[in-house]
Each structure stands twice: as C-alpha cells, then as structure tokens.
Amino acid sequence: MAPRPVALYLPLDALQVVLAWLLPSGAVVVGALGQFMLALVLLAIAFGVWLRLWRGRKKRRAMARAMGRTPR
C-alpha cells in the first residue's frame, strides 16, 4: 500500500477540529433526533384521527342524502 502524502495531514486535522467545534455533541444530536421522531409520530396520529373523522363525516352525509335529509 502506498504511503499517504504528508501534505494532507494538516488540512484533514484542521477539518476535524472545525467539525468538532461546529457540530454539537452526540447527546444533543440524539436528543434532537428523538424530538423529531416524536413529532413525526404525533403528526401521524393526528393525521389518522383527522382522516377517521373526515371519513365518518363523509359517510354520515351519504347516509343523510340517501334518506332524503339535508346534510349539516
């Protein structure tokens, strides 16, 4: 295997230092991902409830129309 050029060591070290300084710690990232996943789960639940209510309303309107009543 060919040896790596020594000229790349300094830029790679500098990049590593900059990334370590800019990026938050692992606990912060895990916490943020947890919050994001919780938001997605709650959004999915809210969408399911909304869809259930919308379908029920649609069904009630169709039944009212079939019985000759005006829907609310």
PDB file of N, CA and C in Angstrom:
ATOM      1  N   MET A   1       0.833  -1.174   0.000  1.00  0.00           N
ATOM      2  CA  MET A   1       0.000   0.000   0.000  1.00  0.00           C
ATOM      3  C   MET A   1       0.878   1.238   0.000  1.00  0.00           C
ATOM      4  N   ALA A   2       0.514   2.207  -0.803  1.00  0.00           N
ATOM      5  CA  ALA A   2       1.325   3.418  -0.930  1.00  0.00           C
ATOM      6  C   ALA A   2       1.142   4.309   0.294  1.00  0.00           C
ATOM      7  N   PRO A   3       2.219   4.944   0.739  1.00  0.00           N
ATOM      8  CA  PRO A   3       2.097   5.837   1.893  1.00  0.00           C
ATOM      9  C   PRO A   3       1.289   7.087   1.534  1.00  0.00           C
ATOM     10  N   ARG A   4       0.574   7.601   2.513  1.00  0.00           N
ATOM     11  CA  ARG A   4      -0.220   8.804   2.276  1.00  0.00           C
ATOM     12  C   ARG A   4       0.697  10.019   2.229  1.00  0.00           C
ATOM     13  N   PRO A   5       0.320  10.992   1.408  1.00  0.00           N
ATOM     14  CA  PRO A   5       1.148  12.211   1.383  1.00  0.00           C
ATOM     15  C   PRO A   5       0.986  12.996   2.686  1.00  0.00           C
ATOM     16  N   VAL A   6       2.096  13.435   3.226  1.00  0.00           N
ATOM     17  CA  VAL A   6       2.098  14.154   4.497  1.00  0.00           C
ATOM     18  C   VAL A   6       1.411  15.511   4.340  1.00  0.00           C
ATOM     19  N   ALA A   7       1.350  16.035   3.152  1.00  0.00           N
ATOM     20  CA  ALA A   7       0.747  17.347   2.920  1.00  0.00           C
ATOM     21  C   ALA A   7      -0.755  17.338   3.239  1.00  0.00           C
ATOM     22  N   LEU A   8      -1.394  16.165   3.223  1.00  0.00           N
ATOM     23  CA  LEU A   8      -2.833  16.090   3.512  1.00  0.00           C
ATOM     24  C   LEU A   8      -3.138  16.055   5.001  1.00  0.00           C
ATOM     25  N   TYR A   9      -2.161  15.783   5.835  1.00  0.00           N
ATOM     26  CA  TYR A   9      -2.423  15.646   7.263  1.00  0.00           C
ATOM     27  C   TYR A   9      -2.913  16.937   7.896  1.00  0.00           C
ATOM     28  N   LEU A  10      -2.279  18.054   7.587  1.00  0.00           N
ATOM     29  CA  LEU A  10      -2.666  19.318   8.211  1.00  0.00           C
ATOM     30  C   LEU A  10      -4.085  19.741   7.818  1.00  0.00           C
ATOM     31  N   PRO A  11      -4.462  19.720   6.528  1.00  0.00           N
ATOM     32  CA  PRO A  11      -5.858  20.089   6.204  1.00  0.00           C
ATOM     33  C   PRO A  11      -6.884  19.143   6.817  1.00  0.00           C
ATOM     34  N   LEU A  12      -6.564  17.851   6.877  1.00  0.00           N
ATOM     35  CA  LEU A  12      -7.502  16.902   7.470  1.00  0.00           C
ATOM     36  C   LEU A  12      -7.637  17.121   8.970  1.00  0.00           C
ATOM     37  N   ASP A  13      -6.533  17.420   9.633  1.00  0.00           N
ATOM     38  CA  ASP A  13      -6.599  17.726  11.059  1.00  0.00           C
ATOM     39  C   ASP A  13      -7.400  19.003  11.301  1.00  0.00           C
ATOM     40  N   ALA A  14      -7.180  20.001  10.472  1.00  0.00           N
ATOM     41  CA  ALA A  14      -7.913  21.260  10.621  1.00  0.00           C
ATOM     42  C   ALA A  14      -9.410  21.029  10.396  1.00  0.00           C
ATOM     43  N   LEU A  15      -9.747  20.233   9.405  1.00  0.00           N
ATOM     44  CA  LEU A  15     -11.158  19.924   9.147  1.00  0.00           C
ATOM     45  C   LEU A  15     -11.780  19.204  10.334  1.00  0.00           C
ATOM     46  N   GLN A  16     -11.047  18.288  10.921  1.00  0.00           N
ATOM     47  CA  GLN A  16     -11.549  17.547  12.077  1.00  0.00           C
ATOM     48  C   GLN A  16     -11.789  18.480  13.264  1.00  0.00           C
ATOM     49  N   VAL A  17     -10.893  19.417  13.482  1.00  0.00           N
ATOM     50  CA  VAL A  17     -11.048  20.376  14.584  1.00  0.00           C
ATOM     51  C   VAL A  17     -12.252  21.276  14.335  1.00  0.00           C
ATOM     52  N   VAL A  18     -12.400  21.756  13.098  1.00  0.00           N
ATOM     53  CA  VAL A  18     -13.525  22.645  12.772  1.00  0.00           C
ATOM     54  C   VAL A  18     -14.848  21.906  12.931  1.00  0.00           C
ATOM     55  N   LEU A  19     -14.928  20.682  12.453  1.00  0.00           N
ATOM     56  CA  LEU A  19     -16.161  19.909  12.579  1.00  0.00           C
ATOM     57  C   LEU A  19     -16.478  19.611  14.041  1.00  0.00           C
ATOM     58  N   ALA A  20     -15.467  19.285  14.832  1.00  0.00           N
ATOM     59  CA  ALA A  20     -15.699  19.012  16.244  1.00  0.00           C
ATOM     60  C   ALA A  20     -16.190  20.259  16.970  1.00  0.00           C
ATOM     61  N   TRP A  21     -15.731  21.422  16.538  1.00  0.00           N
ATOM     62  CA  TRP A  21     -16.141  22.671  17.176  1.00  0.00           C
ATOM     63  C   TRP A  21     -17.544  23.085  16.737  1.00  0.00           C
ATOM     64  N   LEU A  22     -17.887  22.851  15.460  1.00  0.00           N
ATOM     65  CA  LEU A  22     -19.177  23.287  14.922  1.00  0.00           C
ATOM     66  C   LEU A  22     -20.314  22.331  15.266  1.00  0.00           C
ATOM     67  N   LEU A  23     -20.044  21.052  15.197  1.00  0.00           N
ATOM     68  CA  LEU A  23     -21.110  20.080  15.413  1.00  0.00           C
ATOM     69  C   LEU A  23     -21.354  19.883  16.905  1.00  0.00           C
ATOM     70  N   PRO A  24     -22.613  19.755  17.292  1.00  0.00           N
ATOM     71  CA  PRO A  24     -22.901  19.533  18.713  1.00  0.00           C
ATOM     72  C   PRO A  24     -22.488  18.130  19.151  1.00  0.00           C
ATOM     73  N   SER A  25     -22.521  17.921  20.452  1.00  0.00           N
ATOM     74  CA  SER A  25     -22.123  16.617  20.984  1.00  0.00           C
ATOM     75  C   SER A  25     -23.154  15.551  20.613  1.00  0.00           C
ATOM     76  N   GLY A  26     -22.793  14.297  20.824  1.00  0.00           N
ATOM     77  CA  GLY A  26     -23.662  13.183  20.453  1.00  0.00           C
ATOM     78  C   GLY A  26     -24.983  13.189  21.201  1.00  0.00           C
ATOM     79  N   ALA A  27     -24.956  13.594  22.480  1.00  0.00           N
ATOM     80  CA  ALA A  27     -26.195  13.606  23.269  1.00  0.00           C
ATOM     81  C   ALA A  27     -27.186  14.625  22.710  1.00  0.00           C
ATOM     82  N   VAL A  28     -26.669  15.747  22.251  1.00  0.00           N
ATOM     83  CA  VAL A  28     -27.549  16.779  21.682  1.00  0.00           C
ATOM     84  C   VAL A  28     -28.171  16.278  20.391  1.00  0.00           C
ATOM     85  N   VAL A  29     -27.376  15.612  19.579  1.00  0.00           N
ATOM     86  CA  VAL A  29     -27.881  15.092  18.296  1.00  0.00           C
ATOM     87  C   VAL A  29     -28.941  14.019  18.556  1.00  0.00           C
ATOM     88  N   VAL A  30     -28.680  13.123  19.498  1.00  0.00           N
ATOM     89  CA  VAL A  30     -29.646  12.066  19.810  1.00  0.00           C
ATOM     90  C   VAL A  30     -30.932  12.679  20.364  1.00  0.00           C
ATOM     91  N   GLY A  31     -30.810  13.692  21.210  1.00  0.00           N
ATOM     92  CA  GLY A  31     -31.993  14.373  21.744  1.00  0.00           C
ATOM     93  C   GLY A  31     -32.804  15.044  20.658  1.00  0.00           C
ATOM     94  N   ALA A  32     -32.117  15.698  19.728  1.00  0.00           N
ATOM     95  CA  ALA A  32     -32.819  16.368  18.629  1.00  0.00           C
ATOM     96  C   ALA A  32     -33.512  15.350  17.729  1.00  0.00           C
ATOM     97  N   LEU A  33     -32.850  14.244  17.451  1.00  0.00           N
ATOM     98  CA  LEU A  33     -33.474  13.200  16.630  1.00  0.00           C
ATOM     99  C   LEU A  33     -34.676  12.595  17.344  1.00  0.00           C
ATOM    100  N   GLY A  34     -34.578  12.432  18.652  1.00  0.00           N
ATOM    101  CA  GLY A  34     -35.708  11.914  19.422  1.00  0.00           C
ATOM    102  C   GLY A  34     -36.900  12.850  19.357  1.00  0.00           C
ATOM    103  N   GLN A  35     -36.640  14.155  19.482  1.00  0.00           N
ATOM    104  CA  GLN A  35     -37.719  15.145  19.388  1.00  0.00           C
ATOM    105  C   GLN A  35     -38.357  15.097  17.998  1.00  0.00           C
ATOM    106  N   PHE A  36     -37.530  14.970  16.976  1.00  0.00           N
ATOM    107  CA  PHE A  36     -38.036  14.923  15.605  1.00  0.00           C
ATOM    108  C   PHE A  36     -38.890  13.680  15.379  1.00  0.00           C
ATOM    109  N   MET A  37     -38.435  12.540  15.882  1.00  0.00           N
ATOM    110  CA  MET A  37     -39.204  11.307  15.719  1.00  0.00           C
ATOM    111  C   MET A  37     -40.523  11.381  16.487  1.00  0.00           C
ATOM    112  N   LEU A  38     -40.494  11.974  17.687  1.00  0.00           N
ATOM    113  CA  LEU A  38     -41.725  12.146  18.457  1.00  0.00           C
ATOM    114  C   LEU A  38     -42.707  13.033  17.695  1.00  0.00           C
ATOM    115  N   ALA A  39     -42.199  14.090  17.080  1.00  0.00           N
ATOM    116  CA  ALA A  39     -43.062  14.973  16.294  1.00  0.00           C
ATOM    117  C   ALA A  39     -43.676  14.222  15.122  1.00  0.00           C
ATOM    118  N   LEU A  40     -42.901  13.361  14.470  1.00  0.00           N
ATOM    119  CA  LEU A  40     -43.435  12.579  13.347  1.00  0.00           C
ATOM    120  C   LEU A  40     -44.521  11.609  13.811  1.00  0.00           C
ATOM    121  N   VAL A  41     -44.301  10.975  14.943  1.00  0.00           N
ATOM    122  CA  VAL A  41     -45.295  10.026  15.467  1.00  0.00           C
ATOM    123  C   VAL A  41     -46.589  10.760  15.817  1.00  0.00           C
ATOM    124  N   LEU A  42     -46.463  11.891  16.508  1.00  0.00           N
ATOM    125  CA  LEU A  42     -47.659  12.663  16.870  1.00  0.00           C
ATOM    126  C   LEU A  42     -48.378  13.186  15.636  1.00  0.00           C
ATOM    127  N   LEU A  43     -47.628  13.578  14.615  1.00  0.00           N
ATOM    128  CA  LEU A  43     -48.239  14.030  13.364  1.00  0.00           C
ATOM    129  C   LEU A  43     -49.001  12.897  12.684  1.00  0.00           C
ATOM    130  N   ALA A  44     -48.433  11.701  12.697  1.00  0.00           N
ATOM    131  CA  ALA A  44     -49.112  10.546  12.098  1.00  0.00           C
ATOM    132  C   ALA A  44     -50.396  10.216  12.860  1.00  0.00           C
ATOM    133  N   ILE A  45     -50.351  10.300  14.188  1.00  0.00           N
ATOM    134  CA  ILE A  45     -51.552  10.039  14.988  1.00  0.00           C
ATOM    135  C   ILE A  45     -52.622  11.084  14.704  1.00  0.00           C
ATOM    136  N   ALA A  46     -52.217  12.355  14.656  1.00  0.00           N
ATOM    137  CA  ALA A  46     -53.174  13.428  14.371  1.00  0.00           C
ATOM    138  C   ALA A  46     -53.782  13.264  12.978  1.00  0.00           C
ATOM    139  N   PHE A  47     -52.973  12.859  12.012  1.00  0.00           N
ATOM    140  CA  PHE A  47     -53.495  12.650  10.661  1.00  0.00           C
ATOM    141  C   PHE A  47     -54.492  11.489  10.644  1.00  0.00           C
ATOM    142  N   GLY A  48     -54.201  10.429  11.406  1.00  0.00           N
ATOM    143  CA  GLY A  48     -55.127   9.298  11.478  1.00  0.00           C
ATOM    144  C   GLY A  48     -56.452   9.689  12.098  1.00  0.00           C
ATOM    145  N   VAL A  49     -56.405  10.487  13.162  1.00  0.00           N
ATOM    146  CA  VAL A  49     -57.647  10.957  13.795  1.00  0.00           C
ATOM    147  C   VAL A  49     -58.428  11.826  12.832  1.00  0.00           C
ATOM    148  N   TRP A  50     -57.739  12.744  12.153  1.00  0.00           N
ATOM    149  CA  TRP A  50     -58.412  13.627  11.188  1.00  0.00           C
ATOM    150  C   TRP A  50     -59.040  12.817  10.058  1.00  0.00           C
ATOM    151  N   LEU A  51     -58.315  11.836   9.554  1.00  0.00           N
ATOM    152  CA  LEU A  51     -58.830  11.012   8.462  1.00  0.00           C
ATOM    153  C   LEU A  51     -60.049  10.224   8.911  1.00  0.00           C
ATOM    154  N   ARG A  52     -60.011   9.703  10.122  1.00  0.00           N
ATOM    155  CA  ARG A  52     -61.151   8.954  10.663  1.00  0.00           C
ATOM    156  C   ARG A  52     -62.385   9.850  10.782  1.00  0.00           C
ATOM    157  N   LEU A  53     -62.195  11.058  11.301  1.00  0.00           N
ATOM    158  CA  LEU A  53     -63.318  11.991  11.426  1.00  0.00           C
ATOM    159  C   LEU A  53     -63.850  12.406  10.062  1.00  0.00           C
ATOM    160  N   TRP A  54     -62.963  12.624   9.099  1.00  0.00           N
ATOM    161  CA  TRP A  54     -63.378  13.042   7.769  1.00  0.00           C
ATOM    162  C   TRP A  54     -64.163  11.941   7.069  1.00  0.00           C
ATOM    163  N   ARG A  55     -63.692  10.698   7.216  1.00  0.00           N
ATOM    164  CA  ARG A  55     -64.421   9.579   6.596  1.00  0.00           C
ATOM    165  C   ARG A  55     -65.795   9.394   7.236  1.00  0.00           C
ATOM    166  N   GLY A  56     -65.871   9.540   8.567  1.00  0.00           N
ATOM    167  CA  GLY A  56     -67.160   9.423   9.255  1.00  0.00           C
ATOM    168  C   GLY A  56     -68.125  10.508   8.811  1.00  0.00           C
ATOM    169  N   ARG A  57     -67.621  11.711   8.635  1.00  0.00           N
ATOM    170  CA  ARG A  57     -68.474  12.814   8.177  1.00  0.00           C
ATOM    171  C   ARG A  57     -68.977  12.547   6.762  1.00  0.00           C
ATOM    172  N   LYS A  58     -68.087  12.032   5.933  1.00  0.00           N
ATOM    173  CA  LYS A  58     -68.467  11.706   4.559  1.00  0.00           C
ATOM    174  C   LYS A  58     -69.555  10.627   4.541  1.00  0.00           C
ATOM    175  N   LYS A  59     -69.378   9.626   5.406  1.00  0.00           N
ATOM    176  CA  LYS A  59     -70.335   8.524   5.463  1.00  0.00           C
ATOM    177  C   LYS A  59     -71.700   9.020   5.968  1.00  0.00           C
ATOM    178  N   ARG A  60     -71.680   9.874   7.000  1.00  0.00           N
ATOM    179  CA  ARG A  60     -72.940  10.420   7.523  1.00  0.00           C
ATOM    180  C   ARG A  60     -73.659  11.274   6.488  1.00  0.00           C
ATOM    181  N   ARG A  61     -72.906  12.034   5.718  1.00  0.00           N
ATOM    182  CA  ARG A  61     -73.532  12.863   4.665  1.00  0.00           C
ATOM    183  C   ARG A  61     -74.165  11.986   3.589  1.00  0.00           C
ATOM    184  N   ALA A  62     -73.483  10.897   3.227  1.00  0.00           N
ATOM    185  CA  ALA A  62     -74.032   9.998   2.211  1.00  0.00           C
ATOM    186  C   ALA A  62     -75.298   9.311   2.727  1.00  0.00           C
ATOM    187  N   MET A  63     -75.297   8.922   4.009  1.00  0.00           N
ATOM    188  CA  MET A  63     -76.491   8.301   4.580  1.00  0.00           C
ATOM    189  C   MET A  63     -77.656   9.289   4.657  1.00  0.00           C
ATOM    190  N   ALA A  64     -77.365  10.534   5.026  1.00  0.00           N
ATOM    191  CA  ALA A  64     -78.402  11.559   5.109  1.00  0.00           C
ATOM    192  C   ALA A  64     -78.987  11.842   3.727  1.00  0.00           C
ATOM    193  N   ARG A  65     -78.117  11.879   2.730  1.00  0.00           N
ATOM    194  CA  ARG A  65     -78.584  12.117   1.366  1.00  0.00           C
ATOM    195  C   ARG A  65     -79.479  10.967   0.878  1.00  0.00           C
ATOM    196  N   ALA A  66     -79.099   9.742   1.257  1.00  0.00           N
ATOM    197  CA  ALA A  66     -79.871   8.570   0.837  1.00  0.00           C
ATOM    198  C   ALA A  66     -81.247   8.562   1.521  1.00  0.00           C
ATOM    199  N   MET A  67     -81.320   9.130   2.732  1.00  0.00           N
ATOM    200  CA  MET A  67     -82.604   9.165   3.454  1.00  0.00           C
ATOM    201  C   MET A  67     -83.428  10.399   3.083  1.00  0.00           C
ATOM    202  N   GLY A  68     -82.881  11.271   2.271  1.00  0.00           N
ATOM    203  CA  GLY A  68     -83.626  12.437   1.829  1.00  0.00           C
ATOM    204  C   GLY A  68     -83.485  13.651   2.747  1.00  0.00           C
ATOM    205  N   ARG A  69     -82.588  13.595   3.699  1.00  0.00           N
ATOM    206  CA  ARG A  69     -82.372  14.747   4.584  1.00  0.00           C
ATOM    207  C   ARG A  69     -81.274  15.636   4.018  1.00  0.00           C
ATOM    208  N   THR A  70     -81.284  16.864   4.468  1.00  0.00           N
ATOM    209  CA  THR A  70     -80.190  17.747   4.063  1.00  0.00           C
ATOM    210  C   THR A  70     -79.053  17.566   5.062  1.00  0.00           C
ATOM    211  N   PRO A  71     -77.853  17.445   4.580  1.00  0.00           N
ATOM    212  CA  PRO A  71     -76.715  17.250   5.485  1.00  0.00           C
ATOM    213  C   PRO A  71     -76.399  18.533   6.267  1.00  0.00           C
ATOM    214  N   ARG A  72     -75.819  18.363   7.440  1.00  0.00           N
ATOM    215  CA  ARG A  72     -75.453  19.517   8.269  1.00  0.00           C
ATOM    216  C   ARG A  72     -74.137  20.083   7.864  1.00  0.00           C
TER     217      ARG A  72
END
